[in-house]
PDB file of N, CA and C in Angstrom:
ATOM      1  N   MET A   1      91.449  88.239 103.194  1.00  0.00           N
ATOM      2  CA  MET A   1      90.622  88.996 102.272  1.00  0.00           C
ATOM      3  C   MET A   1      91.153  90.426 102.226  1.00  0.00           C
ATOM      4  N   SER A   2      91.408  90.943 101.035  1.00  0.00           N
ATOM      5  CA  SER A   2      91.915  92.291 100.909  1.00  0.00           C
ATOM      6  C   SER A   2      90.772  93.302 101.003  1.00  0.00           C
ATOM      7  N   ILE A   3      91.142  94.532 101.210  1.00  0.00           N
ATOM      8  CA  ILE A   3      90.154  95.595 101.356  1.00  0.00           C
ATOM      9  C   ILE A   3      89.393  95.802 100.051  1.00  0.00           C
ATOM     10  N   VAL A   4      90.114  95.805  98.951  1.00  0.00           N
ATOM     11  CA  VAL A   4      89.480  96.055  97.659  1.00  0.00           C
ATOM     12  C   VAL A   4      88.519  94.929  97.299  1.00  0.00           C
ATOM     13  N   SER A   5      88.915  93.690  97.541  1.00  0.00           N
ATOM     14  CA  SER A   5      88.012  92.590  97.197  1.00  0.00           C
ATOM     15  C   SER A   5      86.780  92.585  98.086  1.00  0.00           C
ATOM     16  N   ALA A   6      86.905  93.110  99.300  1.00  0.00           N
ATOM     17  CA  ALA A   6      85.754  93.170 100.199  1.00  0.00           C
ATOM     18  C   ALA A   6      84.760  94.240  99.749  1.00  0.00           C
ATOM     19  N   LEU A   7      85.215  95.167  98.919  1.00  0.00           N
ATOM     20  CA  LEU A   7      84.346  96.261  98.504  1.00  0.00           C
ATOM     21  C   LEU A   7      83.833  96.118  97.076  1.00  0.00           C
ATOM     22  N   LYS A   8      83.935  94.962  96.476  1.00  0.00           N
ATOM     23  CA  LYS A   8      83.387  94.773  95.135  1.00  0.00           C
ATOM     24  C   LYS A   8      81.871  94.701  95.237  1.00  0.00           C
ATOM     25  N   GLY A   9      81.207  95.302  94.291  1.00  0.00           N
ATOM     26  CA  GLY A   9      79.748  95.294  94.295  1.00  0.00           C
ATOM     27  C   GLY A   9      79.223  96.676  93.978  1.00  0.00           C
ATOM     28  N   ASP A  10      77.933  96.862  94.160  1.00  0.00           N
ATOM     29  CA  ASP A  10      77.342  98.154  93.843  1.00  0.00           C
ATOM     30  C   ASP A  10      77.745  99.192  94.893  1.00  0.00           C
ATOM     31  N   LEU A  11      77.586 100.465  94.526  1.00  0.00           N
ATOM     32  CA  LEU A  11      78.063 101.559  95.378  1.00  0.00           C
ATOM     33  C   LEU A  11      77.406 101.616  96.755  1.00  0.00           C
ATOM     34  N   PRO A  12      76.101 101.430  96.889  1.00  0.00           N
ATOM     35  CA  PRO A  12      75.536 101.453  98.254  1.00  0.00           C
ATOM     36  C   PRO A  12      76.101 100.345  99.141  1.00  0.00           C
ATOM     37  N   HIS A  13      76.278  99.169  98.555  1.00  0.00           N
ATOM     38  CA  HIS A  13      76.860  98.069  99.322  1.00  0.00           C
ATOM     39  C   HIS A  13      78.311  98.372  99.688  1.00  0.00           C
ATOM     40  N   GLN A  14      79.053  98.953  98.748  1.00  0.00           N
ATOM     41  CA  GLN A  14      80.445  99.318  99.005  1.00  0.00           C
ATOM     42  C   GLN A  14      80.547 100.325 100.142  1.00  0.00           C
ATOM     43  N   SER A  15      79.693 101.340 100.103  1.00  0.00           N
ATOM     44  CA  SER A  15      79.778 102.378 101.130  1.00  0.00           C
ATOM     45  C   SER A  15      79.386 101.841 102.504  1.00  0.00           C
ATOM     46  N   ARG A  16      78.369 100.974 102.565  1.00  0.00           N
ATOM     47  CA  ARG A  16      77.992 100.374 103.860  1.00  0.00           C
ATOM     48  C   ARG A  16      79.103  99.485 104.396  1.00  0.00           C
ATOM     49  N   SER A  17      79.718  98.731 103.501  1.00  0.00           N
ATOM     50  CA  SER A  17      80.805  97.857 103.908  1.00  0.00           C
ATOM     51  C   SER A  17      81.990  98.667 104.433  1.00  0.00           C
ATOM     52  N   LEU A  18      82.322  99.742 103.744  1.00  0.00           N
ATOM     53  CA  LEU A  18      83.408 100.615 104.187  1.00  0.00           C
ATOM     54  C   LEU A  18      83.078 101.244 105.537  1.00  0.00           C
ATOM     55  N   TYR A  19      81.850 101.676 105.720  1.00  0.00           N
ATOM     56  CA  TYR A  19      81.409 102.272 106.986  1.00  0.00           C
ATOM     57  C   TYR A  19      81.602 101.278 108.143  1.00  0.00           C
ATOM     58  N   ARG A  20      81.162 100.049 107.936  1.00  0.00           N
ATOM     59  CA  ARG A  20      81.307  99.024 108.982  1.00  0.00           C
ATOM     60  C   ARG A  20      82.776  98.730 109.256  1.00  0.00           C
ATOM     61  N   GLN A  21      83.592  98.651 108.211  1.00  0.00           N
ATOM     62  CA  GLN A  21      85.014  98.377 108.405  1.00  0.00           C
ATOM     63  C   GLN A  21      85.696  99.501 109.173  1.00  0.00           C
ATOM     64  N   LEU A  22      85.339 100.745 108.856  1.00  0.00           N
ATOM     65  CA  LEU A  22      85.927 101.879 109.563  1.00  0.00           C
ATOM     66  C   LEU A  22      85.532 101.876 111.035  1.00  0.00           C
ATOM     67  N   LEU A  23      84.261 101.593 111.322  1.00  0.00           N
ATOM     68  CA  LEU A  23      83.827 101.555 112.719  1.00  0.00           C
ATOM     69  C   LEU A  23      84.507 100.414 113.478  1.00  0.00           C
ATOM     70  N   ARG A  24      84.600  99.265 112.850  1.00  0.00           N
ATOM     71  CA  ARG A  24      85.258  98.127 113.509  1.00  0.00           C
ATOM     72  C   ARG A  24      86.736  98.394 113.742  1.00  0.00           C
ATOM     73  N   GLN A  25      87.388  98.996 112.774  1.00  0.00           N
ATOM     74  CA  GLN A  25      88.806  99.302 112.936  1.00  0.00           C
ATOM     75  C   GLN A  25      89.005 100.366 114.011  1.00  0.00           C
ATOM     76  N   GLY A  26      88.089 101.310 114.106  1.00  0.00           N
ATOM     77  CA  GLY A  26      88.170 102.326 115.151  1.00  0.00           C
ATOM     78  C   GLY A  26      88.088 101.736 116.539  1.00  0.00           C
ATOM     79  N   GLU A  27      87.359 100.631 116.677  1.00  0.00           N
ATOM     80  CA  GLU A  27      87.252  99.958 117.977  1.00  0.00           C
ATOM     81  C   GLU A  27      88.553  99.269 118.380  1.00  0.00           C
ATOM     82  N   GLN A  28      89.476  99.116 117.459  1.00  0.00           N
ATOM     83  CA  GLN A  28      90.734  98.432 117.749  1.00  0.00           C
ATOM     84  C   GLN A  28      91.779  99.332 118.397  1.00  0.00           C
ATOM     85  N   PHE A  29      91.540 100.647 118.424  1.00  0.00           N
ATOM     86  CA  PHE A  29      92.504 101.542 119.059  1.00  0.00           C
ATOM     87  C   PHE A  29      92.590 101.234 120.547  1.00  0.00           C
ATOM     88  N   PRO A  30      93.800 101.116 121.082  1.00  0.00           N
ATOM     89  CA  PRO A  30      93.919 100.823 122.504  1.00  0.00           C
ATOM     90  C   PRO A  30      93.566 102.017 123.399  1.00  0.00           C
ATOM     91  N   ALA A  31      93.701 103.224 122.913  1.00  0.00           N
ATOM     92  CA  ALA A  31      93.430 104.423 123.712  1.00  0.00           C
ATOM     93  C   ALA A  31      91.975 104.864 123.518  1.00  0.00           C
ATOM     94  N   TYR A  32      91.319 105.142 124.619  1.00  0.00           N
ATOM     95  CA  TYR A  32      89.904 105.520 124.627  1.00  0.00           C
ATOM     96  C   TYR A  32      89.641 106.740 123.745  1.00  0.00           C
ATOM     97  N   ASN A  33      90.457 107.777 123.875  1.00  0.00           N
ATOM     98  CA  ASN A  33      90.217 109.009 123.121  1.00  0.00           C
ATOM     99  C   ASN A  33      90.333 108.790 121.616  1.00  0.00           C
ATOM    100  N   PHE A  34      91.280 107.973 121.197  1.00  0.00           N
ATOM    101  CA  PHE A  34      91.419 107.668 119.775  1.00  0.00           C
ATOM    102  C   PHE A  34      90.234 106.857 119.265  1.00  0.00           C
ATOM    103  N   ARG A  35      89.772 105.903 120.084  1.00  0.00           N
ATOM    104  CA  ARG A  35      88.599 105.102 119.693  1.00  0.00           C
ATOM    105  C   ARG A  35      87.389 105.997 119.478  1.00  0.00           C
ATOM    106  N   GLU A  36      87.120 106.874 120.435  1.00  0.00           N
ATOM    107  CA  GLU A  36      85.959 107.752 120.330  1.00  0.00           C
ATOM    108  C   GLU A  36      86.095 108.724 119.161  1.00  0.00           C
ATOM    109  N   TYR A  37      87.304 109.243 118.945  1.00  0.00           N
ATOM    110  CA  TYR A  37      87.520 110.162 117.834  1.00  0.00           C
ATOM    111  C   TYR A  37      87.291 109.455 116.498  1.00  0.00           C
ATOM    112  N   ALA A  38      87.786 108.229 116.371  1.00  0.00           N
ATOM    113  CA  ALA A  38      87.616 107.485 115.110  1.00  0.00           C
ATOM    114  C   ALA A  38      86.141 107.229 114.831  1.00  0.00           C
ATOM    115  N   LYS A  39      85.381 106.834 115.851  1.00  0.00           N
ATOM    116  CA  LYS A  39      83.942 106.603 115.657  1.00  0.00           C
ATOM    117  C   LYS A  39      83.231 107.893 115.261  1.00  0.00           C
ATOM    118  N   ARG A  40      83.532 108.970 115.976  1.00  0.00           N
ATOM    119  CA  ARG A  40      82.880 110.252 115.697  1.00  0.00           C
ATOM    120  C   ARG A  40      83.229 110.762 114.307  1.00  0.00           C
ATOM    121  N   ARG A  41      84.496 110.658 113.922  1.00  0.00           N
ATOM    122  CA  ARG A  41      84.935 111.134 112.611  1.00  0.00           C
ATOM    123  C   ARG A  41      84.286 110.326 111.487  1.00  0.00           C
ATOM    124  N   THR A  42      84.203 109.004 111.669  1.00  0.00           N
ATOM    125  CA  THR A  42      83.581 108.146 110.654  1.00  0.00           C
ATOM    126  C   THR A  42      82.109 108.493 110.489  1.00  0.00           C
ATOM    127  N   ARG A  43      81.387 108.590 111.585  1.00  0.00           N
ATOM    128  CA  ARG A  43      79.957 108.915 111.512  1.00  0.00           C
ATOM    129  C   ARG A  43      79.735 110.287 110.888  1.00  0.00           C
ATOM    130  N   ASP A  44      80.524 111.269 111.296  1.00  0.00           N
ATOM    131  CA  ASP A  44      80.357 112.622 110.757  1.00  0.00           C
ATOM    132  C   ASP A  44      80.649 112.678 109.262  1.00  0.00           C
ATOM    133  N   ALA A  45      81.687 111.968 108.817  1.00  0.00           N
ATOM    134  CA  ALA A  45      82.043 111.983 107.392  1.00  0.00           C
ATOM    135  C   ALA A  45      80.939 111.353 106.549  1.00  0.00           C
ATOM    136  N   PHE A  46      80.368 110.260 107.025  1.00  0.00           N
ATOM    137  CA  PHE A  46      79.309 109.607 106.249  1.00  0.00           C
ATOM    138  C   PHE A  46      78.019 110.432 106.282  1.00  0.00           C
ATOM    139  N   ARG A  47      77.713 111.050 107.402  1.00  0.00           N
ATOM    140  CA  ARG A  47      76.519 111.899 107.466  1.00  0.00           C
ATOM    141  C   ARG A  47      76.670 113.135 106.576  1.00  0.00           C
ATOM    142  N   GLU A  48      77.881 113.656 106.497  1.00  0.00           N
ATOM    143  CA  GLU A  48      78.139 114.837 105.675  1.00  0.00           C
ATOM    144  C   GLU A  48      77.930 114.547 104.193  1.00  0.00           C
ATOM    145  N   ASN A  49      78.211 113.323 103.778  1.00  0.00           N
ATOM    146  CA  ASN A  49      78.155 112.970 102.360  1.00  0.00           C
ATOM    147  C   ASN A  49      76.983 112.068 102.008  1.00  0.00           C
ATOM    148  N   VAL A  50      75.965 112.024 102.842  1.00  0.00           N
ATOM    149  CA  VAL A  50      74.831 111.126 102.606  1.00  0.00           C
ATOM    150  C   VAL A  50      74.018 111.536 101.375  1.00  0.00           C
ATOM    151  N   ARG A  51      74.038 112.794 101.008  1.00  0.00           N
ATOM    152  CA  ARG A  51      73.238 113.297  99.884  1.00  0.00           C
ATOM    153  C   ARG A  51      73.958 113.246  98.541  1.00  0.00           C
ATOM    154  N   VAL A  52      75.183 112.776  98.513  1.00  0.00           N
ATOM    155  CA  VAL A  52      75.946 112.708  97.263  1.00  0.00           C
ATOM    156  C   VAL A  52      75.349 111.608  96.391  1.00  0.00           C
ATOM    157  N   GLU A  53      75.055 111.948  95.126  1.00  0.00           N
ATOM    158  CA  GLU A  53      74.434 110.984  94.217  1.00  0.00           C
ATOM    159  C   GLU A  53      75.273 110.686  92.977  1.00  0.00           C
ATOM    160  N   ASP A  54      76.279 111.515  92.693  1.00  0.00           N
ATOM    161  CA  ASP A  54      77.127 111.312  91.524  1.00  0.00           C
ATOM    162  C   ASP A  54      78.025 110.089  91.737  1.00  0.00           C
ATOM    163  N   PRO A  55      77.911 109.064  90.867  1.00  0.00           N
ATOM    164  CA  PRO A  55      78.699 107.839  91.063  1.00  0.00           C
ATOM    165  C   PRO A  55      80.208 108.074  91.083  1.00  0.00           C
ATOM    166  N   ARG A  56      80.678 109.008  90.278  1.00  0.00           N
ATOM    167  CA  ARG A  56      82.118 109.293  90.250  1.00  0.00           C
ATOM    168  C   ARG A  56      82.569 109.902  91.576  1.00  0.00           C
ATOM    169  N   GLN A  57      81.778 110.812  92.100  1.00  0.00           N
ATOM    170  CA  GLN A  57      82.116 111.436  93.373  1.00  0.00           C
ATOM    171  C   GLN A  57      82.027 110.417  94.516  1.00  0.00           C
ATOM    172  N   ILE A  58      81.044 109.530  94.457  1.00  0.00           N
ATOM    173  CA  ILE A  58      80.920 108.475  95.474  1.00  0.00           C
ATOM    174  C   ILE A  58      82.143 107.570  95.428  1.00  0.00           C
ATOM    175  N   GLN A  59      82.586 107.221  94.226  1.00  0.00           N
ATOM    176  CA  GLN A  59      83.769 106.370  94.091  1.00  0.00           C
ATOM    177  C   GLN A  59      85.001 107.072  94.642  1.00  0.00           C
ATOM    178  N   ASP A  60      85.125 108.380  94.413  1.00  0.00           N
ATOM    179  CA  ASP A  60      86.245 109.137  94.977  1.00  0.00           C
ATOM    180  C   ASP A  60      86.196 109.132  96.500  1.00  0.00           C
ATOM    181  N   LEU A  61      84.997 109.284  97.051  1.00  0.00           N
ATOM    182  CA  LEU A  61      84.852 109.260  98.512  1.00  0.00           C
ATOM    183  C   LEU A  61      85.183 107.882  99.073  1.00  0.00           C
ATOM    184  N   ILE A  62      84.821 106.837  98.363  1.00  0.00           N
ATOM    185  CA  ILE A  62      85.152 105.479  98.808  1.00  0.00           C
ATOM    186  C   ILE A  62      86.661 105.276  98.788  1.00  0.00           C
ATOM    187  N   GLN A  63      87.324 105.773  97.747  1.00  0.00           N
ATOM    188  CA  GLN A  63      88.783 105.667  97.693  1.00  0.00           C
ATOM    189  C   GLN A  63      89.439 106.424  98.847  1.00  0.00           C
ATOM    190  N   LYS A  64      88.908 107.588  99.158  1.00  0.00           N
ATOM    191  CA  LYS A  64      89.410 108.359 100.294  1.00  0.00           C
ATOM    192  C   LYS A  64      89.189 107.584 101.595  1.00  0.00           C
ATOM    193  N   GLY A  65      88.032 106.954 101.725  1.00  0.00           N
ATOM    194  CA  GLY A  65      87.742 106.146 102.906  1.00  0.00           C
ATOM    195  C   GLY A  65      88.666 104.955 103.034  1.00  0.00           C
ATOM    196  N   LEU A  66      89.020 104.331 101.900  1.00  0.00           N
ATOM    197  CA  LEU A  66      89.952 103.204 101.930  1.00  0.00           C
ATOM    198  C   LEU A  66      91.331 103.647 102.414  1.00  0.00           C
ATOM    199  N   LYS A  67      91.753 104.831 101.993  1.00  0.00           N
ATOM    200  CA  LYS A  67      93.032 105.361 102.473  1.00  0.00           C
ATOM    201  C   LYS A  67      92.978 105.610 103.973  1.00  0.00           C
ATOM    202  N   GLU A  68      91.849 106.137 104.440  1.00  0.00           N
ATOM    203  CA  GLU A  68      91.664 106.364 105.882  1.00  0.00           C
ATOM    204  C   GLU A  68      91.686 105.029 106.641  1.00  0.00           C
ATOM    205  N   LEU A  69      91.074 104.006 106.063  1.00  0.00           N
ATOM    206  CA  LEU A  69      91.048 102.689 106.697  1.00  0.00           C
ATOM    207  C   LEU A  69      92.461 102.120 106.810  1.00  0.00           C
ATOM    208  N   GLN A  70      93.251 102.250 105.756  1.00  0.00           N
ATOM    209  CA  GLN A  70      94.626 101.773 105.802  1.00  0.00           C
ATOM    210  C   GLN A  70      95.434 102.529 106.850  1.00  0.00           C
ATOM    211  N   MET A  71      95.221 103.842 106.940  1.00  0.00           N
ATOM    212  CA  MET A  71      95.913 104.648 107.939  1.00  0.00           C
ATOM    213  C   MET A  71      95.518 104.206 109.349  1.00  0.00           C
ATOM    214  N   MET A  72      94.219 103.940 109.560  1.00  0.00           N
ATOM    215  CA  MET A  72      93.759 103.505 110.875  1.00  0.00           C
ATOM    216  C   MET A  72      94.365 102.156 111.244  1.00  0.00           C
ATOM    217  N   LYS A  73      94.497 101.266 110.285  1.00  0.00           N
ATOM    218  CA  LYS A  73      95.109  99.965 110.566  1.00  0.00           C
ATOM    219  C   LYS A  73      96.556 100.135 110.992  1.00  0.00           C
ATOM    220  N   ARG A  74      97.288 101.005 110.316  1.00  0.00           N
ATOM    221  CA  ARG A  74      98.678 101.259 110.703  1.00  0.00           C
ATOM    222  C   ARG A  74      98.750 101.854 112.105  1.00  0.00           C
ATOM    223  N   GLN A  75      97.866 102.820 112.385  1.00  0.00           N
ATOM    224  CA  GLN A  75      97.901 103.498 113.677  1.00  0.00           C
ATOM    225  C   GLN A  75      97.506 102.571 114.826  1.00  0.00           C
ATOM    226  N   THR A  76      96.596 101.639 114.594  1.00  0.00           N
ATOM    227  CA  THR A  76      96.228 100.719 115.667  1.00  0.00           C
ATOM    228  C   THR A  76      97.393  99.790 116.002  1.00  0.00           C
ATOM    229  N   VAL A  77      98.151  99.381 114.999  1.00  0.00           N
ATOM    230  CA  VAL A  77      99.317  98.536 115.264  1.00  0.00           C
ATOM    231  C   VAL A  77     100.356  99.329 116.051  1.00  0.00           C
ATOM    232  N   ILE A  78     100.610 100.553 115.636  1.00  0.00           N
ATOM    233  CA  ILE A  78     101.577 101.393 116.343  1.00  0.00           C
ATOM    234  C   ILE A  78     101.104 101.669 117.762  1.00  0.00           C
ATOM    235  N   GLY A  79      99.819 101.939 117.930  1.00  0.00           N
ATOM    236  CA  GLY A  79      99.264 102.248 119.248  1.00  0.00           C
ATOM    237  C   GLY A  79      99.375 101.095 120.221  1.00  0.00           C
ATOM    238  N   LYS A  80      99.374  99.882 119.717  1.00  0.00           N
ATOM    239  CA  LYS A  80      99.483  98.719 120.606  1.00  0.00           C
ATOM    240  C   LYS A  80     100.881  98.579 121.190  1.00  0.00           C
ATOM    241  N   PHE A  81     101.874  99.217 120.574  1.00  0.00           N
ATOM    242  CA  PHE A  81     103.227  99.202 121.125  1.00  0.00           C
ATOM    243  C   PHE A  81     103.349 100.129 122.335  1.00  0.00           C
ATOM    244  N   TYR A  82     102.483 101.129 122.426  1.00  0.00           N
ATOM    245  CA  TYR A  82     102.585 102.154 123.463  1.00  0.00           C
ATOM    246  C   TYR A  82     101.320 102.207 124.305  1.00  0.00           C
ATOM    247  N   GLN A  83     100.921 101.104 124.875  1.00  0.00           N
ATOM    248  CA  GLN A  83      99.693 101.071 125.660  1.00  0.00           C
ATOM    249  C   GLN A  83      99.905 101.750 127.005  1.00  0.00           C
ATOM    250  N   LEU A  84      98.888 102.481 127.425  1.00  0.00           N
ATOM    251  CA  LEU A  84      98.894 103.160 128.709  1.00  0.00           C
ATOM    252  C   LEU A  84      97.840 102.541 129.609  1.00  0.00           C
ATOM    253  N   ASP A  85      97.792 102.990 130.838  1.00  0.00           N
ATOM    254  CA  ASP A  85      96.745 102.527 131.746  1.00  0.00           C
ATOM    255  C   ASP A  85      95.388 102.939 131.209  1.00  0.00           C
ATOM    256  N   ARG A  86      94.378 102.145 131.539  1.00  0.00           N
ATOM    257  CA  ARG A  86      93.017 102.464 131.118  1.00  0.00           C
ATOM    258  C   ARG A  86      92.534 103.698 131.860  1.00  0.00           C
ATOM    259  N   LEU A  87      91.683 104.470 131.221  1.00  0.00           N
ATOM    260  CA  LEU A  87      91.095 105.646 131.857  1.00  0.00           C
ATOM    261  C   LEU A  87      89.931 105.238 132.735  1.00  0.00           C
ATOM    262  N   VAL A  88      89.534 106.115 133.622  1.00  0.00           N
ATOM    263  CA  VAL A  88      88.423 105.843 134.524  1.00  0.00           C
ATOM    264  C   VAL A  88      87.130 105.643 133.737  1.00  0.00           C
ATOM    265  N   VAL A  89      86.941 106.386 132.665  1.00  0.00           N
ATOM    266  CA  VAL A  89      85.709 106.287 131.885  1.00  0.00           C
ATOM    267  C   VAL A  89      85.585 104.965 131.146  1.00  0.00           C
ATOM    268  N   GLU A  90      86.686 104.239 130.991  1.00  0.00           N
ATOM    269  CA  GLU A  90      86.650 102.948 130.308  1.00  0.00           C
ATOM    270  C   GLU A  90      86.176 101.828 131.211  1.00  0.00           C
ATOM    271  N   GLY A  91      86.230 102.030 132.508  1.00  0.00           N
ATOM    272  CA  GLY A  91      85.850 100.975 133.441  1.00  0.00           C
ATOM    273  C   GLY A  91      86.982  99.979 133.614  1.00  0.00           C
ATOM    274  N   GLY A  92      86.810  99.077 134.537  1.00  0.00           N
ATOM    275  CA  GLY A  92      87.856  98.087 134.792  1.00  0.00           C
ATOM    276  C   GLY A  92      88.942  98.670 135.661  1.00  0.00           C
ATOM    277  N   MET A  93      89.837  97.814 136.100  1.00  0.00           N
ATOM    278  CA  MET A  93      90.936  98.243 136.950  1.00  0.00           C
ATOM    279  C   MET A  93      92.246  97.907 136.279  1.00  0.00           C
ATOM    280  N   SER A  94      93.208  98.806 136.406  1.00  0.00           N
ATOM    281  CA  SER A  94      94.546  98.533 135.921  1.00  0.00           C
ATOM    282  C   SER A  94      95.511  99.403 136.690  1.00  0.00           C
ATOM    283  N   GLY A  95      96.732  99.061 136.659  1.00  0.00           N
ATOM    284  CA  GLY A  95      97.746  99.827 137.353  1.00  0.00           C
ATOM    285  C   GLY A  95      99.115  99.297 137.020  1.00  0.00           C
ATOM    286  N   LYS A  96     100.131  99.926 137.601  1.00  0.00           N
ATOM    287  CA  LYS A  96     101.490  99.527 137.291  1.00  0.00           C
ATOM    288  C   LYS A  96     101.948  98.336 138.114  1.00  0.00           C
ATOM    289  N   GLU A  97     101.491  98.213 139.335  1.00  0.00           N
ATOM    290  CA  GLU A  97     101.898  97.107 140.185  1.00  0.00           C
ATOM    291  C   GLU A  97     100.703  96.603 140.969  1.00  0.00           C
ATOM    292  N   THR A  98     100.762  95.351 141.344  1.00  0.00           N
ATOM    293  CA  THR A  98      99.686  94.805 142.154  1.00  0.00           C
ATOM    294  C   THR A  98     100.078  94.875 143.619  1.00  0.00           C
ATOM    295  N   GLY A  99      99.089  95.032 144.475  1.00  0.00           N
ATOM    296  CA  GLY A  99      99.321  95.098 145.915  1.00  0.00           C
ATOM    297  C   GLY A  99      99.418  93.706 146.517  1.00  0.00           C
ATOM    298  N   LYS A 100      99.489  93.647 147.843  1.00  0.00           N
ATOM    299  CA  LYS A 100      99.642  92.378 148.553  1.00  0.00           C
ATOM    300  C   LYS A 100      98.453  91.454 148.328  1.00  0.00           C
ATOM    301  N   SER A 101      97.253  92.001 148.272  1.00  0.00           N
ATOM    302  CA  SER A 101      96.061  91.171 148.120  1.00  0.00           C
ATOM    303  C   SER A 101      95.700  90.919 146.658  1.00  0.00           C
ATOM    304  N   GLY A 102      96.583  91.282 145.754  1.00  0.00           N
ATOM    305  CA  GLY A 102      96.318  91.066 144.337  1.00  0.00           C
ATOM    306  C   GLY A 102      95.574  92.227 143.697  1.00  0.00           C
ATOM    307  N   GLY A 103      95.222  93.248 144.492  1.00  0.00           N
ATOM    308  CA  GLY A 103      94.542  94.423 143.948  1.00  0.00           C
ATOM    309  C   GLY A 103      95.533  95.343 143.262  1.00  0.00           C
ATOM    310  N   ILE A 104      95.023  96.361 142.667  1.00  0.00           N
ATOM    311  CA  ILE A 104      95.869  97.306 141.953  1.00  0.00           C
ATOM    312  C   ILE A 104      96.348  98.381 142.920  1.00  0.00           C
ATOM    313  N   ALA A 105      97.646  98.600 142.963  1.00  0.00           N
ATOM    314  CA  ALA A 105      98.235  99.645 143.795  1.00  0.00           C
ATOM    315  C   ALA A 105      98.815 100.693 142.862  1.00  0.00           C
ATOM    316  N   ARG A 106      98.203 101.835 142.794  1.00  0.00           N
ATOM    317  CA  ARG A 106      98.678 102.907 141.913  1.00  0.00           C
ATOM    318  C   ARG A 106      99.957 103.507 142.452  1.00  0.00           C
ATOM    319  N   GLN A 107     100.825 103.898 141.552  1.00  0.00           N
ATOM    320  CA  GLN A 107     102.056 104.561 141.930  1.00  0.00           C
ATOM    321  C   GLN A 107     102.063 105.948 141.317  1.00  0.00           C
ATOM    322  N   LYS A 108     102.511 106.918 142.092  1.00  0.00           N
ATOM    323  CA  LYS A 108     102.689 108.242 141.532  1.00  0.00           C
ATOM    324  C   LYS A 108     104.114 108.345 140.996  1.00  0.00           C
ATOM    325  N   ASP A 109     104.228 108.861 139.807  1.00  0.00           N
ATOM    326  CA  ASP A 109     105.546 109.072 139.231  1.00  0.00           C
ATOM    327  C   ASP A 109     105.966 110.485 139.578  1.00  0.00           C
ATOM    328  N   THR A 110     106.916 110.617 140.473  1.00  0.00           N
ATOM    329  CA  THR A 110     107.327 111.949 140.921  1.00  0.00           C
ATOM    330  C   THR A 110     108.298 112.589 139.952  1.00  0.00           C
ATOM    331  N   GLY A 111     108.962 111.794 139.130  1.00  0.00           N
ATOM    332  CA  GLY A 111     109.887 112.349 138.162  1.00  0.00           C
ATOM    333  C   GLY A 111     111.211 112.769 138.762  1.00  0.00           C
ATOM    334  N   LEU A 112     111.526 112.295 139.962  1.00  0.00           N
ATOM    335  CA  LEU A 112     112.757 112.686 140.635  1.00  0.00           C
ATOM    336  C   LEU A 112     113.844 111.627 140.532  1.00  0.00           C
ATOM    337  N   ASP A 113     113.865 110.880 139.462  1.00  0.00           N
ATOM    338  CA  ASP A 113     114.860 109.817 139.334  1.00  0.00           C
ATOM    339  C   ASP A 113     116.195 110.342 138.935  1.00  0.00           C
TER     340      ASP A 113
END
């Protein structure tokens, strides 16, 4: 299903659909900071424009949102090529090597290679 075909319908339905797609795509970022930034930016942009009533201006904002959605899709694919260890705030355990008991053994990179 293409993005444009998913947004056919009346403007309130289109904007809600775009909002949900942006939030879902933001959850696909592998890095915690990017995920949180995408969610915050999406919510702030929609809250900022909640009072817009001109259909032409709403359509322009939807087109801008579609461009943002396409950019986010590209960035999530690129981000998956460069995954890093999970942050402490994300929960879970990860590391570069496993220890003798199967646990995670962190390594410090001294940079002296």
